[in-house]
Amino acid sequence: WFGTDDLGRDQITRVIYGARASLAAGVISVGIAMGVGVPLGLAAGYLGGWLDALIGRITDAMLACPYLILAIALAAFLGPSLGNAMIAIGVATTPVYIRLTRGQVLSVKVEEYVEAARAVGNPRWRIAIVHILPNILPSLLVQATLSIAAALIAEASLSFLGLGTQPPEAAWGNMLATARSYVDQSVWMSIFPGLAIMIVVLGFNFLGDGLRDVLDPRVGGGVGDVAT
């Protein structure tokens, strides 16, 4: 249905099979970013002091470098492979979660229920994990869905440059890289992988917008309204 590539391989099979690498790269890289960024942001926002200053300066230094450039540099340093591309994208995304988590913690830790938990003698680690973290999770989940869409584009870019999934394994990015040489004769080779990237990224962006409307009552939704 999607034609064949330069070696006669079925395009629709490769587009479907390539979804595995692209989606895995998006989900795993965002998981890496959250696994590193959320604890650091939680510690920086709740503990403050010299730890907040140190984490803040490191985060500022990483954000000073453009996201995709940092991912390309890390992937080139680690070596071309899908696993290294996931690590590179995850590390490049981590500062976003550090800043988001820190900002949310700063606004939540002054709430009355946190003060009450501190007054009854809860240790700081328990207050951070039990009372603060669950109340900032909605914002983190919304950001995660949007980050998966950005990570999909980053993985496709790395594969297009030869730093991600390596042939003969199928991924949408390296399929586009192959199609680049045949765009005049076989335009379908570039249309369908590009459409797959566009549809999936658009879907994750819509999912993020929907989650924000549901989980953030200030936007006009709220879990209670949806349940009603």
N, C-alpha and C. Protein backbone atom coordinates (compact mmCIF):
# COMPACT_ATOMS: atom_id res chain seq x y z
N TRP A 1 0.81 -1.21 0.00
CA TRP A 1 0.00 0.00 0.00
C TRP A 1 0.85 1.27 0.00
N PHE A 2 2.01 1.24 0.64
CA PHE A 2 2.90 2.41 0.69
C PHE A 2 4.04 2.30 -0.30
N GLY A 3 4.00 1.30 -1.19
CA GLY A 3 5.08 1.11 -2.15
C GLY A 3 6.26 0.39 -1.51
N THR A 4 7.41 0.42 -2.19
CA THR A 4 8.62 -0.23 -1.70
C THR A 4 9.74 0.80 -1.63
N ASP A 5 10.81 0.43 -0.89
CA ASP A 5 11.95 1.34 -0.78
C ASP A 5 12.99 1.01 -1.86
N ASP A 6 14.19 1.55 -1.71
CA ASP A 6 15.22 1.38 -2.73
C ASP A 6 15.69 -0.05 -2.87
N LEU A 7 15.49 -0.87 -1.83
CA LEU A 7 15.89 -2.28 -1.87
C LEU A 7 14.71 -3.22 -2.10
N GLY A 8 13.55 -2.67 -2.41
CA GLY A 8 12.38 -3.48 -2.67
C GLY A 8 11.64 -3.95 -1.44
N ARG A 9 11.94 -3.39 -0.28
CA ARG A 9 11.27 -3.79 0.95
C ARG A 9 9.94 -3.05 1.10
N ASP A 10 8.97 -3.73 1.69
CA ASP A 10 7.62 -3.19 1.84
C ASP A 10 7.62 -1.99 2.79
N GLN A 11 7.16 -0.84 2.29
CA GLN A 11 7.20 0.38 3.09
C GLN A 11 6.24 0.36 4.27
N ILE A 12 5.03 -0.17 4.07
CA ILE A 12 4.06 -0.14 5.17
C ILE A 12 4.54 -1.01 6.34
N THR A 13 5.20 -2.13 6.01
CA THR A 13 5.74 -2.98 7.08
C THR A 13 6.83 -2.24 7.84
N ARG A 14 7.69 -1.53 7.13
CA ARG A 14 8.78 -0.82 7.78
C ARG A 14 8.28 0.39 8.58
N VAL A 15 7.23 1.05 8.09
CA VAL A 15 6.66 2.16 8.85
C VAL A 15 6.05 1.66 10.16
N ILE A 16 5.32 0.54 10.10
CA ILE A 16 4.72 -0.03 11.31
C ILE A 16 5.81 -0.52 12.26
N TYR A 17 6.80 -1.22 11.72
CA TYR A 17 7.88 -1.73 12.56
C TYR A 17 8.72 -0.60 13.13
N GLY A 18 8.90 0.46 12.34
CA GLY A 18 9.68 1.61 12.82
C GLY A 18 9.02 2.36 13.95
N ALA A 19 7.69 2.18 14.10
CA ALA A 19 7.00 2.84 15.22
C ALA A 19 7.53 2.34 16.56
N ARG A 20 7.99 1.09 16.59
CA ARG A 20 8.50 0.53 17.85
C ARG A 20 9.71 1.31 18.33
N ALA A 21 10.66 1.55 17.44
CA ALA A 21 11.87 2.28 17.84
C ALA A 21 11.56 3.73 18.19
N SER A 22 10.72 4.36 17.38
CA SER A 22 10.45 5.78 17.61
C SER A 22 9.67 6.00 18.90
N LEU A 23 8.64 5.20 19.14
CA LEU A 23 7.85 5.35 20.36
C LEU A 23 8.66 4.97 21.60
N ALA A 24 9.46 3.90 21.47
CA ALA A 24 10.31 3.51 22.61
C ALA A 24 11.29 4.62 22.95
N ALA A 25 11.86 5.24 21.92
CA ALA A 25 12.81 6.33 22.17
C ALA A 25 12.12 7.48 22.89
N GLY A 26 10.89 7.82 22.47
CA GLY A 26 10.18 8.91 23.12
C GLY A 26 9.84 8.62 24.57
N VAL A 27 9.30 7.43 24.84
CA VAL A 27 8.85 7.10 26.19
C VAL A 27 10.04 6.90 27.13
N ILE A 28 11.05 6.15 26.67
CA ILE A 28 12.19 5.84 27.55
C ILE A 28 13.02 7.09 27.84
N SER A 29 13.24 7.91 26.83
CA SER A 29 14.04 9.12 27.06
C SER A 29 13.33 10.08 28.03
N VAL A 30 12.01 10.19 27.92
CA VAL A 30 11.28 11.02 28.87
C VAL A 30 11.31 10.38 30.27
N GLY A 31 11.26 9.04 30.33
CA GLY A 31 11.40 8.37 31.62
C GLY A 31 12.74 8.65 32.28
N ILE A 32 13.81 8.66 31.45
CA ILE A 32 15.13 9.00 31.98
C ILE A 32 15.15 10.44 32.52
N ALA A 33 14.57 11.35 31.73
CA ALA A 33 14.56 12.76 32.14
C ALA A 33 13.78 12.96 33.43
N MET A 34 12.63 12.29 33.56
CA MET A 34 11.85 12.42 34.79
C MET A 34 12.54 11.75 35.97
N GLY A 35 13.15 10.59 35.73
CA GLY A 35 13.83 9.88 36.81
C GLY A 35 14.98 10.66 37.40
N VAL A 36 15.63 11.50 36.59
CA VAL A 36 16.74 12.32 37.09
C VAL A 36 16.26 13.70 37.50
N GLY A 37 15.42 14.31 36.67
CA GLY A 37 15.05 15.70 36.90
C GLY A 37 14.10 15.93 38.05
N VAL A 38 13.12 15.02 38.22
CA VAL A 38 12.14 15.23 39.29
C VAL A 38 12.78 15.17 40.68
N PRO A 39 13.60 14.16 41.02
CA PRO A 39 14.24 14.18 42.35
C PRO A 39 15.14 15.40 42.57
N LEU A 40 15.89 15.79 41.53
CA LEU A 40 16.76 16.96 41.68
C LEU A 40 15.94 18.24 41.88
N GLY A 41 14.88 18.39 41.11
CA GLY A 41 14.03 19.56 41.27
C GLY A 41 13.31 19.57 42.60
N LEU A 42 12.91 18.38 43.07
CA LEU A 42 12.25 18.28 44.37
C LEU A 42 13.20 18.68 45.49
N ALA A 43 14.44 18.20 45.40
CA ALA A 43 15.43 18.54 46.42
C ALA A 43 15.77 20.02 46.38
N ALA A 44 15.95 20.56 45.17
CA ALA A 44 16.31 21.97 45.05
C ALA A 44 15.20 22.88 45.56
N GLY A 45 13.95 22.56 45.21
CA GLY A 45 12.85 23.42 45.63
C GLY A 45 12.53 23.32 47.10
N TYR A 46 12.64 22.13 47.68
CA TYR A 46 12.23 21.96 49.08
C TYR A 46 13.35 22.31 50.06
N LEU A 47 14.57 21.88 49.74
CA LEU A 47 15.69 22.12 50.66
C LEU A 47 16.27 23.52 50.51
N GLY A 48 16.35 24.01 49.25
CA GLY A 48 16.87 25.35 49.02
C GLY A 48 18.35 25.46 49.37
N GLY A 49 18.79 26.66 49.68
CA GLY A 49 20.17 26.88 50.10
C GLY A 49 21.18 26.63 49.01
N TRP A 50 22.35 26.13 49.43
CA TRP A 50 23.45 25.92 48.48
C TRP A 50 23.11 24.82 47.47
N LEU A 51 22.31 23.84 47.87
CA LEU A 51 21.93 22.78 46.94
C LEU A 51 21.07 23.34 45.81
N ASP A 52 20.14 24.22 46.14
CA ASP A 52 19.31 24.86 45.12
C ASP A 52 20.17 25.70 44.17
N ALA A 53 21.13 26.42 44.73
CA ALA A 53 22.01 27.25 43.89
C ALA A 53 22.86 26.39 42.96
N LEU A 54 23.40 25.28 43.47
CA LEU A 54 24.24 24.42 42.64
C LEU A 54 23.44 23.78 41.51
N ILE A 55 22.29 23.19 41.86
CA ILE A 55 21.46 22.57 40.83
C ILE A 55 20.96 23.61 39.82
N GLY A 56 20.64 24.79 40.32
CA GLY A 56 20.18 25.86 39.43
C GLY A 56 21.23 26.29 38.43
N ARG A 57 22.49 26.40 38.87
CA ARG A 57 23.55 26.82 37.94
C ARG A 57 23.81 25.74 36.89
N ILE A 58 23.80 24.47 37.30
CA ILE A 58 24.00 23.39 36.34
C ILE A 58 22.87 23.37 35.32
N THR A 59 21.65 23.56 35.81
CA THR A 59 20.49 23.59 34.91
C THR A 59 20.58 24.75 33.93
N ASP A 60 20.97 25.91 34.41
CA ASP A 60 21.11 27.08 33.53
C ASP A 60 22.17 26.83 32.46
N ALA A 61 23.26 26.18 32.85
CA ALA A 61 24.32 25.89 31.87
C ALA A 61 23.82 24.94 30.79
N MET A 62 23.03 23.94 31.18
CA MET A 62 22.50 23.00 30.18
C MET A 62 21.46 23.66 29.29
N LEU A 63 20.63 24.54 29.87
CA LEU A 63 19.61 25.22 29.07
C LEU A 63 20.21 26.27 28.15
N ALA A 64 21.44 26.70 28.43
CA ALA A 64 22.08 27.68 27.54
C ALA A 64 22.40 27.08 26.18
N CYS A 65 22.53 25.75 26.13
CA CYS A 65 22.79 25.06 24.85
C CYS A 65 21.45 24.62 24.27
N PRO A 66 21.19 24.89 22.99
CA PRO A 66 19.92 24.45 22.39
C PRO A 66 19.69 22.96 22.57
N TYR A 67 18.44 22.61 22.79
CA TYR A 67 18.05 21.23 23.13
C TYR A 67 18.56 20.22 22.11
N LEU A 68 18.27 20.45 20.83
CA LEU A 68 18.65 19.46 19.81
C LEU A 68 20.16 19.42 19.62
N ILE A 69 20.84 20.55 19.72
CA ILE A 69 22.29 20.58 19.58
C ILE A 69 22.94 19.77 20.70
N LEU A 70 22.42 19.92 21.93
CA LEU A 70 22.96 19.16 23.06
C LEU A 70 22.73 17.66 22.86
N ALA A 71 21.55 17.28 22.35
CA ALA A 71 21.26 15.86 22.10
C ALA A 71 22.18 15.30 21.02
N ILE A 72 22.42 16.07 19.96
CA ILE A 72 23.31 15.62 18.88
C ILE A 72 24.73 15.45 19.40
N ALA A 73 25.19 16.41 20.21
CA ALA A 73 26.56 16.33 20.74
C ALA A 73 26.72 15.11 21.65
N LEU A 74 25.74 14.85 22.51
CA LEU A 74 25.82 13.70 23.40
C LEU A 74 25.75 12.39 22.62
N ALA A 75 24.86 12.33 21.62
CA ALA A 75 24.74 11.11 20.83
C ALA A 75 26.02 10.84 20.04
N ALA A 76 26.63 11.89 19.51
CA ALA A 76 27.89 11.71 18.78
C ALA A 76 29.01 11.26 19.71
N PHE A 77 28.99 11.76 20.95
CA PHE A 77 30.01 11.37 21.93
C PHE A 77 29.83 9.92 22.36
N LEU A 78 28.58 9.50 22.59
CA LEU A 78 28.31 8.14 23.06
C LEU A 78 28.42 7.10 21.96
N GLY A 79 28.17 7.51 20.72
CA GLY A 79 28.22 6.56 19.61
C GLY A 79 26.85 6.34 19.01
N PRO A 80 26.78 6.05 17.69
CA PRO A 80 25.49 5.90 17.03
C PRO A 80 24.79 4.59 17.39
N SER A 81 23.67 4.70 18.09
CA SER A 81 22.80 3.55 18.38
C SER A 81 21.52 4.09 18.97
N LEU A 82 20.47 3.28 18.95
CA LEU A 82 19.19 3.73 19.49
C LEU A 82 19.28 3.95 20.99
N GLY A 83 19.96 3.06 21.72
CA GLY A 83 20.09 3.23 23.16
C GLY A 83 20.81 4.50 23.54
N ASN A 84 21.90 4.79 22.85
CA ASN A 84 22.63 6.03 23.14
C ASN A 84 21.82 7.27 22.77
N ALA A 85 21.01 7.16 21.71
CA ALA A 85 20.14 8.28 21.35
C ALA A 85 19.11 8.54 22.45
N MET A 86 18.56 7.48 23.03
CA MET A 86 17.62 7.65 24.15
C MET A 86 18.29 8.35 25.33
N ILE A 87 19.50 7.92 25.66
CA ILE A 87 20.22 8.55 26.78
C ILE A 87 20.48 10.02 26.48
N ALA A 88 20.91 10.31 25.25
CA ALA A 88 21.22 11.69 24.88
C ALA A 88 19.98 12.57 24.96
N ILE A 89 18.86 12.08 24.44
CA ILE A 89 17.62 12.87 24.49
C ILE A 89 17.15 13.03 25.93
N GLY A 90 17.28 11.97 26.73
CA GLY A 90 16.88 12.05 28.13
C GLY A 90 17.69 13.07 28.91
N VAL A 91 19.00 13.07 28.71
CA VAL A 91 19.86 14.04 29.40
C VAL A 91 19.53 15.46 28.95
N ALA A 92 19.30 15.64 27.64
CA ALA A 92 18.99 16.98 27.13
C ALA A 92 17.64 17.49 27.62
N THR A 93 16.72 16.58 27.95
CA THR A 93 15.38 16.97 28.43
C THR A 93 15.36 17.19 29.94
N THR A 94 16.33 16.66 30.67
CA THR A 94 16.32 16.71 32.13
C THR A 94 16.17 18.12 32.70
N PRO A 95 16.86 19.16 32.18
CA PRO A 95 16.71 20.49 32.79
C PRO A 95 15.28 21.01 32.80
N VAL A 96 14.47 20.60 31.82
CA VAL A 96 13.07 21.05 31.80
C VAL A 96 12.34 20.55 33.04
N TYR A 97 12.59 19.29 33.42
CA TYR A 97 11.90 18.72 34.58
C TYR A 97 12.47 19.24 35.90
N ILE A 98 13.76 19.56 35.91
CA ILE A 98 14.32 20.16 37.13
C ILE A 98 13.65 21.50 37.40
N ARG A 99 13.54 22.33 36.38
CA ARG A 99 12.95 23.65 36.57
C ARG A 99 11.47 23.57 36.88
N LEU A 100 10.75 22.71 36.14
CA LEU A 100 9.31 22.59 36.38
C LEU A 100 9.03 22.07 37.79
N THR A 101 9.75 21.03 38.20
CA THR A 101 9.54 20.46 39.53
C THR A 101 9.88 21.48 40.61
N ARG A 102 11.00 22.16 40.45
CA ARG A 102 11.40 23.16 41.45
C ARG A 102 10.35 24.25 41.59
N GLY A 103 9.85 24.77 40.46
CA GLY A 103 8.84 25.82 40.52
C GLY A 103 7.55 25.36 41.18
N GLN A 104 7.12 24.13 40.87
CA GLN A 104 5.91 23.61 41.48
C GLN A 104 6.09 23.40 42.98
N VAL A 105 7.28 22.90 43.38
CA VAL A 105 7.54 22.67 44.80
C VAL A 105 7.54 23.99 45.56
N LEU A 106 8.13 25.03 44.99
CA LEU A 106 8.16 26.33 45.67
C LEU A 106 6.76 26.87 45.92
N SER A 107 5.82 26.59 45.00
CA SER A 107 4.46 27.08 45.20
C SER A 107 3.65 26.21 46.14
N VAL A 108 4.00 24.91 46.24
CA VAL A 108 3.21 23.99 47.05
C VAL A 108 3.70 23.94 48.50
N LYS A 109 5.00 24.11 48.72
CA LYS A 109 5.54 23.88 50.06
C LYS A 109 5.10 24.93 51.09
N VAL A 110 4.49 26.01 50.64
CA VAL A 110 3.98 27.01 51.57
C VAL A 110 2.50 26.82 51.86
N GLU A 111 1.89 25.78 51.29
CA GLU A 111 0.47 25.54 51.55
C GLU A 111 0.26 25.10 53.00
N GLU A 112 -0.97 25.25 53.44
CA GLU A 112 -1.27 24.99 54.85
C GLU A 112 -1.12 23.51 55.21
N TYR A 113 -1.47 22.61 54.30
CA TYR A 113 -1.35 21.18 54.64
C TYR A 113 0.11 20.76 54.78
N VAL A 114 1.02 21.42 54.06
CA VAL A 114 2.44 21.13 54.23
C VAL A 114 2.92 21.68 55.57
N GLU A 115 2.47 22.88 55.93
CA GLU A 115 2.83 23.44 57.23
C GLU A 115 2.29 22.56 58.36
N ALA A 116 1.08 22.02 58.18
CA ALA A 116 0.50 21.16 59.20
C ALA A 116 1.30 19.86 59.34
N ALA A 117 1.71 19.29 58.20
CA ALA A 117 2.52 18.08 58.25
C ALA A 117 3.86 18.34 58.94
N ARG A 118 4.43 19.51 58.72
CA ARG A 118 5.69 19.85 59.38
C ARG A 118 5.47 20.07 60.88
N ALA A 119 4.32 20.64 61.22
CA ALA A 119 4.06 20.95 62.62
C ALA A 119 3.87 19.69 63.47
N VAL A 120 3.35 18.62 62.88
CA VAL A 120 3.13 17.39 63.65
C VAL A 120 4.38 16.52 63.70
N GLY A 121 5.48 17.00 63.11
CA GLY A 121 6.75 16.30 63.27
C GLY A 121 7.14 15.36 62.16
N ASN A 122 6.50 15.46 60.98
CA ASN A 122 6.92 14.62 59.86
C ASN A 122 8.33 15.00 59.42
N PRO A 123 9.18 14.01 59.12
CA PRO A 123 10.51 14.35 58.60
C PRO A 123 10.42 14.97 57.21
N ARG A 124 11.46 15.67 56.82
CA ARG A 124 11.42 16.41 55.57
C ARG A 124 11.26 15.50 54.36
N TRP A 125 11.91 14.31 54.39
CA TRP A 125 11.78 13.42 53.25
C TRP A 125 10.35 12.93 53.09
N ARG A 126 9.67 12.72 54.21
CA ARG A 126 8.27 12.26 54.13
C ARG A 126 7.36 13.37 53.61
N ILE A 127 7.59 14.57 54.06
CA ILE A 127 6.78 15.70 53.56
C ILE A 127 6.96 15.86 52.06
N ALA A 128 8.22 15.75 51.59
CA ALA A 128 8.48 15.94 50.16
C ALA A 128 7.84 14.85 49.32
N ILE A 129 7.94 13.59 49.77
CA ILE A 129 7.47 12.47 48.96
C ILE A 129 5.97 12.24 49.10
N VAL A 130 5.46 12.35 50.32
CA VAL A 130 4.06 11.98 50.58
C VAL A 130 3.11 13.16 50.38
N HIS A 131 3.53 14.37 50.74
CA HIS A 131 2.62 15.51 50.72
C HIS A 131 2.83 16.45 49.54
N ILE A 132 4.06 16.60 49.08
CA ILE A 132 4.32 17.55 48.00
C ILE A 132 4.28 16.88 46.63
N LEU A 133 5.01 15.76 46.47
CA LEU A 133 5.12 15.12 45.16
C LEU A 133 3.78 14.75 44.55
N PRO A 134 2.84 14.13 45.27
CA PRO A 134 1.55 13.79 44.63
C PRO A 134 0.79 15.01 44.13
N ASN A 135 1.00 16.17 44.74
CA ASN A 135 0.26 17.37 44.34
C ASN A 135 0.90 18.10 43.16
N ILE A 136 2.10 17.72 42.77
CA ILE A 136 2.70 18.32 41.58
C ILE A 136 2.73 17.35 40.41
N LEU A 137 2.27 16.12 40.62
CA LEU A 137 2.29 15.12 39.55
C LEU A 137 1.46 15.51 38.33
N PRO A 138 0.26 16.13 38.48
CA PRO A 138 -0.49 16.50 37.27
C PRO A 138 0.30 17.35 36.29
N SER A 139 1.01 18.35 36.79
CA SER A 139 1.81 19.20 35.90
C SER A 139 2.92 18.40 35.24
N LEU A 140 3.53 17.46 35.98
CA LEU A 140 4.59 16.64 35.42
C LEU A 140 4.06 15.70 34.35
N LEU A 141 2.85 15.16 34.54
CA LEU A 141 2.28 14.26 33.54
C LEU A 141 1.96 15.00 32.25
N VAL A 142 1.44 16.22 32.37
CA VAL A 142 1.17 17.02 31.18
C VAL A 142 2.46 17.30 30.42
N GLN A 143 3.49 17.70 31.16
CA GLN A 143 4.78 17.98 30.53
C GLN A 143 5.36 16.72 29.90
N ALA A 144 5.13 15.56 30.51
CA ALA A 144 5.66 14.30 29.97
C ALA A 144 5.07 14.00 28.60
N THR A 145 3.77 14.19 28.44
CA THR A 145 3.16 13.91 27.14
C THR A 145 3.69 14.85 26.06
N LEU A 146 3.88 16.11 26.42
CA LEU A 146 4.44 17.06 25.45
C LEU A 146 5.90 16.75 25.16
N SER A 147 6.63 16.28 26.18
CA SER A 147 8.04 15.94 25.98
C SER A 147 8.21 14.71 25.10
N ILE A 148 7.27 13.76 25.18
CA ILE A 148 7.35 12.58 24.32
C ILE A 148 7.27 13.00 22.85
N ALA A 149 6.39 13.96 22.55
CA ALA A 149 6.29 14.45 21.17
C ALA A 149 7.60 15.09 20.73
N ALA A 150 8.21 15.90 21.60
CA ALA A 150 9.49 16.51 21.25
C ALA A 150 10.59 15.47 21.12
N ALA A 151 10.55 14.43 21.99
CA ALA A 151 11.57 13.37 21.91
C ALA A 151 11.44 12.55 20.64
N LEU A 152 10.21 12.36 20.15
CA LEU A 152 10.02 11.65 18.88
C LEU A 152 10.69 12.40 17.74
N ILE A 153 10.51 13.71 17.72
CA ILE A 153 11.15 14.52 16.68
C ILE A 153 12.67 14.48 16.83
N ALA A 154 13.16 14.53 18.07
CA ALA A 154 14.60 14.48 18.29
C ALA A 154 15.18 13.15 17.85
N GLU A 155 14.47 12.04 18.15
CA GLU A 155 14.97 10.72 17.74
C GLU A 155 14.98 10.60 16.22
N ALA A 156 13.93 11.12 15.57
CA ALA A 156 13.90 11.09 14.11
C ALA A 156 15.05 11.92 13.53
N SER A 157 15.35 13.05 14.17
CA SER A 157 16.46 13.89 13.70
C SER A 157 17.79 13.17 13.86
N LEU A 158 18.00 12.52 15.01
CA LEU A 158 19.25 11.79 15.23
C LEU A 158 19.39 10.62 14.26
N SER A 159 18.29 9.89 14.03
CA SER A 159 18.35 8.78 13.07
C SER A 159 18.59 9.30 11.66
N PHE A 160 18.00 10.43 11.33
CA PHE A 160 18.22 11.04 10.01
C PHE A 160 19.69 11.39 9.81
N LEU A 161 20.34 11.82 10.89
CA LEU A 161 21.76 12.19 10.82
C LEU A 161 22.69 10.99 10.99
N GLY A 162 22.13 9.80 11.20
CA GLY A 162 22.95 8.61 11.37
C GLY A 162 23.43 8.37 12.77
N LEU A 163 22.82 9.05 13.76
CA LEU A 163 23.25 8.92 15.15
C LEU A 163 22.26 8.12 16.00
N GLY A 164 21.15 7.69 15.40
CA GLY A 164 20.14 6.95 16.13
C GLY A 164 20.10 5.50 15.68
N THR A 165 18.91 5.02 15.35
CA THR A 165 18.73 3.65 14.89
C THR A 165 19.53 3.41 13.62
N GLN A 166 20.29 2.32 13.59
CA GLN A 166 21.18 2.04 12.48
C GLN A 166 20.54 1.03 11.52
N PRO A 167 20.73 1.23 10.19
CA PRO A 167 20.24 0.24 9.22
C PRO A 167 20.89 -1.11 9.49
N PRO A 168 20.19 -2.22 9.18
CA PRO A 168 18.90 -2.30 8.48
C PRO A 168 17.68 -2.17 9.37
N GLU A 169 17.86 -1.86 10.67
CA GLU A 169 16.69 -1.66 11.53
C GLU A 169 15.88 -0.47 11.03
N ALA A 170 14.55 -0.60 11.11
CA ALA A 170 13.67 0.45 10.60
C ALA A 170 13.35 1.45 11.69
N ALA A 171 13.45 2.72 11.36
CA ALA A 171 12.98 3.83 12.20
C ALA A 171 12.59 4.94 11.24
N TRP A 172 11.63 5.73 11.66
CA TRP A 172 11.13 6.75 10.74
C TRP A 172 12.21 7.72 10.31
N GLY A 173 13.13 8.04 11.20
CA GLY A 173 14.18 8.98 10.85
C GLY A 173 15.13 8.45 9.80
N ASN A 174 15.62 7.20 9.96
CA ASN A 174 16.55 6.69 8.94
C ASN A 174 15.83 6.32 7.65
N MET A 175 14.51 6.07 7.71
CA MET A 175 13.76 5.88 6.47
C MET A 175 13.72 7.19 5.67
N LEU A 176 13.57 8.31 6.37
CA LEU A 176 13.62 9.61 5.69
C LEU A 176 15.01 9.90 5.15
N ALA A 177 16.04 9.48 5.88
CA ALA A 177 17.41 9.69 5.40
C ALA A 177 17.65 8.92 4.10
N THR A 178 17.14 7.69 4.02
CA THR A 178 17.27 6.91 2.79
C THR A 178 16.46 7.53 1.66
N ALA A 179 15.25 8.00 1.97
CA ALA A 179 14.37 8.56 0.95
C ALA A 179 14.90 9.87 0.38
N ARG A 180 15.78 10.53 1.10
CA ARG A 180 16.30 11.82 0.63
C ARG A 180 16.97 11.70 -0.73
N SER A 181 17.63 10.58 -0.99
CA SER A 181 18.35 10.40 -2.27
C SER A 181 17.42 10.03 -3.41
N TYR A 182 16.16 9.68 -3.09
CA TYR A 182 15.24 9.21 -4.14
C TYR A 182 13.98 10.05 -4.20
N VAL A 183 14.02 11.27 -3.67
CA VAL A 183 12.81 12.06 -3.57
C VAL A 183 12.27 12.45 -4.95
N ASP A 184 13.13 12.52 -5.96
CA ASP A 184 12.67 12.89 -7.31
C ASP A 184 11.99 11.72 -8.01
N GLN A 185 12.48 10.50 -7.76
CA GLN A 185 11.92 9.35 -8.46
C GLN A 185 10.84 8.63 -7.64
N SER A 186 10.99 8.55 -6.32
CA SER A 186 10.09 7.77 -5.47
C SER A 186 9.67 8.61 -4.27
N VAL A 187 8.75 9.54 -4.51
CA VAL A 187 8.39 10.49 -3.47
C VAL A 187 7.68 9.80 -2.30
N TRP A 188 7.03 8.65 -2.57
CA TRP A 188 6.31 7.95 -1.48
C TRP A 188 7.24 7.47 -0.38
N MET A 189 8.54 7.29 -0.71
CA MET A 189 9.48 6.84 0.31
C MET A 189 9.63 7.84 1.45
N SER A 190 9.43 9.12 1.15
CA SER A 190 9.54 10.15 2.19
C SER A 190 8.19 10.58 2.75
N ILE A 191 7.11 10.39 1.98
CA ILE A 191 5.80 10.88 2.42
C ILE A 191 5.31 10.11 3.64
N PHE A 192 5.36 8.78 3.59
CA PHE A 192 4.70 7.99 4.63
C PHE A 192 5.45 7.99 5.96
N PRO A 193 6.78 7.90 6.00
CA PRO A 193 7.44 8.08 7.31
C PRO A 193 7.22 9.47 7.89
N GLY A 194 7.22 10.48 7.01
CA GLY A 194 6.96 11.84 7.50
C GLY A 194 5.55 12.00 8.04
N LEU A 195 4.57 11.38 7.38
CA LEU A 195 3.20 11.43 7.87
C LEU A 195 3.07 10.72 9.22
N ALA A 196 3.78 9.60 9.37
CA ALA A 196 3.73 8.86 10.64
C ALA A 196 4.26 9.74 11.77
N ILE A 197 5.39 10.42 11.55
CA ILE A 197 5.93 11.32 12.59
C ILE A 197 4.94 12.42 12.90
N MET A 198 4.36 13.03 11.86
CA MET A 198 3.45 14.16 12.06
C MET A 198 2.21 13.73 12.85
N ILE A 199 1.62 12.59 12.51
CA ILE A 199 0.38 12.14 13.16
C ILE A 199 0.64 11.80 14.63
N VAL A 200 1.73 11.07 14.91
CA VAL A 200 2.01 10.67 16.29
C VAL A 200 2.36 11.89 17.15
N VAL A 201 3.16 12.80 16.63
CA VAL A 201 3.51 14.00 17.39
C VAL A 201 2.27 14.85 17.64
N LEU A 202 1.41 14.98 16.64
CA LEU A 202 0.18 15.73 16.81
C LEU A 202 -0.72 15.07 17.86
N GLY A 203 -0.77 13.73 17.83
CA GLY A 203 -1.58 13.01 18.82
C GLY A 203 -1.10 13.24 20.24
N PHE A 204 0.21 13.19 20.46
CA PHE A 204 0.73 13.43 21.81
C PHE A 204 0.51 14.87 22.25
N ASN A 205 0.57 15.81 21.32
CA ASN A 205 0.29 17.20 21.69
C ASN A 205 -1.17 17.39 22.08
N PHE A 206 -2.07 16.75 21.34
CA PHE A 206 -3.49 16.81 21.71
C PHE A 206 -3.73 16.14 23.07
N LEU A 207 -3.02 15.02 23.31
CA LEU A 207 -3.15 14.34 24.60
C LEU A 207 -2.68 15.24 25.74
N GLY A 208 -1.58 15.94 25.53
CA GLY A 208 -1.08 16.86 26.55
C GLY A 208 -2.05 18.00 26.82
N ASP A 209 -2.65 18.56 25.75
CA ASP A 209 -3.63 19.63 25.95
C ASP A 209 -4.86 19.11 26.69
N GLY A 210 -5.29 17.89 26.34
CA GLY A 210 -6.46 17.32 27.02
C GLY A 210 -6.18 17.05 28.49
N LEU A 211 -5.01 16.51 28.80
CA LEU A 211 -4.66 16.27 30.20
C LEU A 211 -4.57 17.57 30.98
N ARG A 212 -4.05 18.61 30.36
CA ARG A 212 -3.97 19.89 31.05
C ARG A 212 -5.37 20.42 31.37
N ASP A 213 -6.30 20.28 30.43
CA ASP A 213 -7.67 20.73 30.67
C ASP A 213 -8.34 19.93 31.79
N VAL A 214 -8.02 18.63 31.87
CA VAL A 214 -8.66 17.77 32.87
C VAL A 214 -8.04 17.97 34.25
N LEU A 215 -6.70 18.05 34.31
CA LEU A 215 -6.00 18.03 35.59
C LEU A 215 -5.79 19.40 36.21
N ASP A 216 -5.89 20.46 35.40
CA ASP A 216 -5.64 21.80 35.93
C ASP A 216 -6.97 22.55 36.01
N PRO A 217 -7.54 22.73 37.19
CA PRO A 217 -8.84 23.41 37.30
C PRO A 217 -8.78 24.87 36.87
N ARG A 218 -7.60 25.48 36.86
CA ARG A 218 -7.50 26.88 36.46
C ARG A 218 -7.74 27.07 34.99
N VAL A 219 -7.58 25.99 34.19
CA VAL A 219 -7.78 26.09 32.74
C VAL A 219 -9.25 25.95 32.39
N GLY A 220 -10.05 25.44 33.34
CA GLY A 220 -11.48 25.32 33.08
C GLY A 220 -11.96 23.90 33.10
N GLY A 221 -11.15 22.96 33.58
CA GLY A 221 -11.59 21.58 33.64
C GLY A 221 -11.64 21.12 35.08
N GLY A 222 -10.78 20.16 35.39
CA GLY A 222 -10.77 19.60 36.74
C GLY A 222 -11.36 18.22 36.73
N VAL A 223 -10.81 17.34 37.54
CA VAL A 223 -11.26 15.96 37.57
C VAL A 223 -12.71 15.89 38.01
N GLY A 224 -13.11 16.73 38.94
CA GLY A 224 -14.48 16.71 39.42
C GLY A 224 -15.48 17.07 38.32
N ASP A 225 -15.15 18.08 37.50
CA ASP A 225 -16.04 18.45 36.41
C ASP A 225 -16.19 17.35 35.40
N VAL A 226 -15.07 16.66 35.08
CA VAL A 226 -15.14 15.61 34.10
C VAL A 226 -15.97 14.44 34.63
N ALA A 227 -15.79 14.11 35.93
CA ALA A 227 -16.55 13.02 36.51
C ALA A 227 -18.04 13.34 36.52
N THR A 228 -18.38 14.63 36.72
CA THR A 228 -19.78 14.98 36.74
C THR A 228 -20.38 14.87 35.35
